[in-house]
N, C-alpha and C. Protein backbone atom coordinates (compact mmCIF):
# COMPACT_ATOMS: atom_id res chain seq x y z
N MET A 1 -13.08 -56.82 -30.39
CA MET A 1 -14.38 -57.04 -29.75
C MET A 1 -14.24 -58.03 -28.59
N GLU A 2 -13.43 -59.05 -28.78
CA GLU A 2 -13.23 -60.05 -27.73
C GLU A 2 -12.61 -59.42 -26.48
N GLU A 3 -11.69 -58.47 -26.70
CA GLU A 3 -11.05 -57.78 -25.59
C GLU A 3 -12.08 -56.97 -24.79
N GLN A 4 -13.01 -56.34 -25.49
CA GLN A 4 -14.06 -55.58 -24.81
C GLN A 4 -14.98 -56.49 -24.02
N ASP A 5 -15.27 -57.68 -24.58
CA ASP A 5 -16.12 -58.64 -23.87
C ASP A 5 -15.44 -59.09 -22.58
N GLU A 6 -14.14 -59.36 -22.65
CA GLU A 6 -13.39 -59.79 -21.46
C GLU A 6 -13.37 -58.67 -20.42
N ARG A 7 -13.15 -57.47 -20.89
CA ARG A 7 -13.13 -56.32 -19.98
C ARG A 7 -14.50 -56.15 -19.31
N LEU A 8 -15.55 -56.29 -20.09
CA LEU A 8 -16.90 -56.18 -19.55
C LEU A 8 -17.15 -57.26 -18.51
N GLU A 9 -16.71 -58.48 -18.77
CA GLU A 9 -16.88 -59.57 -17.80
C GLU A 9 -16.14 -59.27 -16.51
N ARG A 10 -14.92 -58.74 -16.62
CA ARG A 10 -14.16 -58.39 -15.41
C ARG A 10 -14.88 -57.30 -14.62
N LEU A 11 -15.38 -56.31 -15.34
CA LEU A 11 -16.11 -55.24 -14.67
C LEU A 11 -17.38 -55.75 -13.99
N GLU A 12 -18.08 -56.64 -14.66
CA GLU A 12 -19.28 -57.24 -14.06
C GLU A 12 -18.92 -58.02 -12.80
N GLY A 13 -17.80 -58.72 -12.85
CA GLY A 13 -17.33 -59.46 -11.67
C GLY A 13 -17.03 -58.52 -10.51
N ARG A 14 -16.38 -57.41 -10.82
CA ARG A 14 -16.07 -56.43 -9.78
C ARG A 14 -17.35 -55.84 -9.19
N VAL A 15 -18.30 -55.54 -10.05
CA VAL A 15 -19.56 -54.97 -9.57
C VAL A 15 -20.27 -55.98 -8.66
N ALA A 16 -20.28 -57.24 -9.05
CA ALA A 16 -20.91 -58.27 -8.22
C ALA A 16 -20.21 -58.37 -6.87
N PHE A 17 -18.87 -58.34 -6.89
CA PHE A 17 -18.10 -58.44 -5.65
C PHE A 17 -18.38 -57.23 -4.76
N GLN A 18 -18.38 -56.04 -5.34
CA GLN A 18 -18.65 -54.83 -4.56
C GLN A 18 -20.09 -54.83 -4.04
N SER A 19 -20.99 -55.39 -4.79
CA SER A 19 -22.38 -55.48 -4.35
C SER A 19 -22.47 -56.37 -3.10
N GLN A 20 -21.71 -57.48 -3.11
CA GLN A 20 -21.69 -58.35 -1.94
C GLN A 20 -21.09 -57.61 -0.74
N ASP A 21 -20.00 -56.86 -0.99
CA ASP A 21 -19.39 -56.09 0.08
C ASP A 21 -20.39 -55.10 0.67
N LEU A 22 -21.12 -54.41 -0.20
CA LEU A 22 -22.11 -53.44 0.27
C LEU A 22 -23.21 -54.12 1.08
N GLU A 23 -23.62 -55.29 0.65
CA GLU A 23 -24.65 -56.03 1.39
C GLU A 23 -24.15 -56.40 2.78
N GLN A 24 -22.88 -56.86 2.85
CA GLN A 24 -22.31 -57.21 4.15
C GLN A 24 -22.18 -55.98 5.04
N LEU A 25 -21.75 -54.87 4.46
CA LEU A 25 -21.65 -53.63 5.23
C LEU A 25 -23.02 -53.18 5.72
N ASP A 26 -24.03 -53.33 4.89
CA ASP A 26 -25.39 -52.96 5.28
C ASP A 26 -25.86 -53.81 6.45
N GLN A 27 -25.57 -55.11 6.40
CA GLN A 27 -25.96 -56.01 7.49
C GLN A 27 -25.21 -55.64 8.77
N SER A 28 -23.93 -55.33 8.63
CA SER A 28 -23.13 -54.93 9.78
C SER A 28 -23.65 -53.64 10.39
N LEU A 29 -23.99 -52.69 9.54
CA LEU A 29 -24.54 -51.42 10.01
C LEU A 29 -25.86 -51.64 10.73
N ALA A 30 -26.69 -52.51 10.20
CA ALA A 30 -27.98 -52.80 10.85
C ALA A 30 -27.75 -53.43 12.23
N ALA A 31 -26.77 -54.33 12.33
CA ALA A 31 -26.46 -54.95 13.62
C ALA A 31 -25.94 -53.91 14.61
N GLN A 32 -25.11 -53.00 14.14
CA GLN A 32 -24.59 -51.95 15.01
C GLN A 32 -25.71 -51.02 15.45
N GLN A 33 -26.64 -50.73 14.56
CA GLN A 33 -27.77 -49.87 14.91
C GLN A 33 -28.62 -50.54 15.99
N ARG A 34 -28.84 -51.85 15.87
CA ARG A 34 -29.61 -52.56 16.91
C ARG A 34 -28.87 -52.51 18.24
N GLU A 35 -27.55 -52.65 18.21
CA GLU A 35 -26.75 -52.59 19.44
C GLU A 35 -26.84 -51.20 20.07
N ILE A 36 -26.77 -50.16 19.25
CA ILE A 36 -26.89 -48.79 19.75
C ILE A 36 -28.25 -48.58 20.39
N GLU A 37 -29.31 -49.07 19.74
CA GLU A 37 -30.66 -48.93 20.30
C GLU A 37 -30.77 -49.67 21.63
N SER A 38 -30.17 -50.84 21.72
CA SER A 38 -30.19 -51.62 22.96
C SER A 38 -29.44 -50.88 24.07
N LEU A 39 -28.26 -50.36 23.74
CA LEU A 39 -27.49 -49.62 24.74
C LEU A 39 -28.21 -48.35 25.17
N SER A 40 -28.85 -47.69 24.24
CA SER A 40 -29.60 -46.48 24.55
C SER A 40 -30.74 -46.79 25.52
N ALA A 41 -31.42 -47.89 25.28
CA ALA A 41 -32.51 -48.30 26.17
C ALA A 41 -31.97 -48.62 27.56
N ARG A 42 -30.80 -49.24 27.63
CA ARG A 42 -30.21 -49.56 28.93
C ARG A 42 -29.81 -48.29 29.67
N VAL A 43 -29.23 -47.33 28.95
CA VAL A 43 -28.86 -46.06 29.56
C VAL A 43 -30.11 -45.36 30.10
N SER A 44 -31.17 -45.35 29.32
CA SER A 44 -32.41 -44.72 29.77
C SER A 44 -32.94 -45.39 31.03
N ALA A 45 -32.88 -46.71 31.07
CA ALA A 45 -33.34 -47.44 32.25
C ALA A 45 -32.48 -47.09 33.47
N LEU A 46 -31.18 -46.99 33.27
CA LEU A 46 -30.30 -46.61 34.37
C LEU A 46 -30.56 -45.18 34.84
N GLU A 47 -30.82 -44.28 33.90
CA GLU A 47 -31.15 -42.91 34.28
C GLU A 47 -32.43 -42.86 35.10
N ARG A 48 -33.43 -43.64 34.70
CA ARG A 48 -34.69 -43.67 35.46
C ARG A 48 -34.45 -44.22 36.87
N LEU A 49 -33.61 -45.25 36.98
CA LEU A 49 -33.29 -45.82 38.28
C LEU A 49 -32.56 -44.80 39.15
N LEU A 50 -31.58 -44.13 38.57
CA LEU A 50 -30.86 -43.10 39.32
C LEU A 50 -31.79 -41.98 39.77
N ALA A 51 -32.71 -41.60 38.91
CA ALA A 51 -33.65 -40.53 39.25
C ALA A 51 -34.51 -40.93 40.44
N ARG A 52 -34.86 -42.21 40.52
CA ARG A 52 -35.65 -42.67 41.66
C ARG A 52 -34.80 -42.72 42.93
N LEU A 53 -33.54 -43.14 42.78
CA LEU A 53 -32.66 -43.26 43.94
C LEU A 53 -32.22 -41.90 44.48
N ASP A 54 -31.95 -40.97 43.57
CA ASP A 54 -31.49 -39.64 43.98
C ASP A 54 -32.02 -38.60 43.01
N PRO A 55 -33.24 -38.12 43.26
CA PRO A 55 -33.86 -37.15 42.34
C PRO A 55 -33.03 -35.88 42.15
N SER A 56 -32.17 -35.55 43.11
CA SER A 56 -31.38 -34.32 42.98
C SER A 56 -30.38 -34.42 41.83
N LEU A 57 -30.10 -35.61 41.37
CA LEU A 57 -29.19 -35.77 40.22
C LEU A 57 -29.81 -35.25 38.94
N PHE A 58 -31.13 -35.23 38.90
CA PHE A 58 -31.83 -34.87 37.67
C PHE A 58 -32.68 -33.62 37.91
N GLN A 59 -32.05 -32.51 38.00
CA GLN A 59 -32.77 -31.25 38.16
C GLN A 59 -33.51 -30.94 36.87
N ASP A 60 -34.76 -30.59 36.98
CA ASP A 60 -35.60 -30.26 35.81
C ASP A 60 -35.69 -31.40 34.81
N GLY A 61 -35.53 -32.63 35.27
CA GLY A 61 -35.64 -33.79 34.38
C GLY A 61 -34.45 -34.01 33.48
N ALA A 62 -33.41 -33.20 33.63
CA ALA A 62 -32.23 -33.35 32.77
C ALA A 62 -31.27 -34.37 33.38
N PRO A 63 -30.54 -35.06 32.55
CA PRO A 63 -29.55 -36.01 33.06
C PRO A 63 -28.49 -35.27 33.88
N PRO A 64 -27.80 -35.98 34.75
CA PRO A 64 -26.77 -35.32 35.57
C PRO A 64 -25.67 -34.72 34.70
N ARG A 65 -25.17 -33.59 35.15
CA ARG A 65 -24.07 -32.94 34.42
C ARG A 65 -22.77 -33.23 35.13
N GLN A 66 -21.71 -33.31 34.35
CA GLN A 66 -20.39 -33.57 34.95
C GLN A 66 -19.54 -32.34 34.92
């Protein structure tokens, strides 16, 4: 029985550690998502600026094709 208790404690420790890892990954993912949203907004602003400077770049409102 004592061996099972020790094993259970080790497993609980691993679960707690993995839970912390998941929380850190979740925070990192949230930060990356905010960065993506920021970059997307910047790209959109640049596209609007380009459209004003040279409307021929954006035929039918579509971004320029390469």
